[in-house]
Amino acid sequence: MKKTILLLVILLVCMTIFAKEEVIKKRFEATPAQPVSVSFRDADGDLRVETYDGNEIILEFVKSIGGDPGGSTLEYFNGIKPQTAFADNRLEVKVEYPKIHFPFNLFHDYRLKVRSLLKVPRKCSLETHIVDGNVEAEGGEGNFSAHLTDGDVLLRDWHGDMDVGSTDGDLTLENVVGRLHCRTTDGDVTATGKFSAVNFSSSDGNGEFRFLEGSRLSGDCEFRCSDGDLTLAFPKDMSFRLNAHTSEGGIHSALHFDRVDLEKKHHLEAARGDAAYSLSIETSDGDVHITEY
């Protein structure tokens, strides 16, 4: 009896400590001094993007599984792989998952994880589409686009036009430069940078934007929140026309204006500087806080 129990314990331990990892690396040589672009698509995995002063595009794809996956799950795991196509300095990556013709064993406890690392030239345009996963990128110069269904975006030190959105996730942008278009259905947005224009929309989440010194508008800005607060901070020398309105909430402004056309609890219209471009704010259920530094 004791031997039987011991064998069962050993079996359970072996099942628990089972782990398998597979790494796939691919390299692509880009033509120097020409535009580089990357398109990345994944249904269930995280992506990290690093930039450097070189010409190669390096993809490192890692998949791992642990616990007690069972035979059918291992078959599925083995079939996960990145498909790539490279031509004219453009790399397209799509992570392929096997079609499931069999049910996973519900009695097996396993952990399956997929993650990708892209190392790209510093001057590179990037487009990502991920269903369930996070995106992190840093230090690039070029257009940046990230469309997520369930995941967060973290973007640091990026220069270029940025188009970022997540249905269920937070968006964080730090020390970026350029035009920003961002949207989220259920998540918060925090952005700091030298912005030339911002377009923001959120159904259920807060927005916090800090325009760094050196920000100069080259287009109109729009901020829309259905259910959430909006906080904006501007340098003292930044010029714009302001039209802020909230249905249920207050407008709290600490800005100095050269002209105030309308000032009420739920509505503020004013201008500062040359006011060449407008800044429009609309919230349904949330407060608006505007400050300068």
Foldseek 3Di string as FASTA:
>chain_A
DVVVVVVVVVVQVCLQFDKDKDKDKDKDFADPPDAAEEEEEEAAAAEEEEADAHGMKMKIKMKMKGHHFDDLSVVQSVPWDWDWDDDNNYIYIYTDTDDDPDDGDPVTDMDIHIYMYIYHHQEYEYAYEYEHYEYEYERHEEEYEYEYAAYEYEYENYEYEYHYEYAHYEYEYYAYYEAYEYEYAHYEYEYEYQYQEYEYEYEHYEYEYEHDPVRAHPEAYEYEYAHYEYEYEEALQYWAWEWFFEQAEAEAEPHDFPFWDDDDRGITTTTHDPRPYHYYYYYYHYYYYYYYD
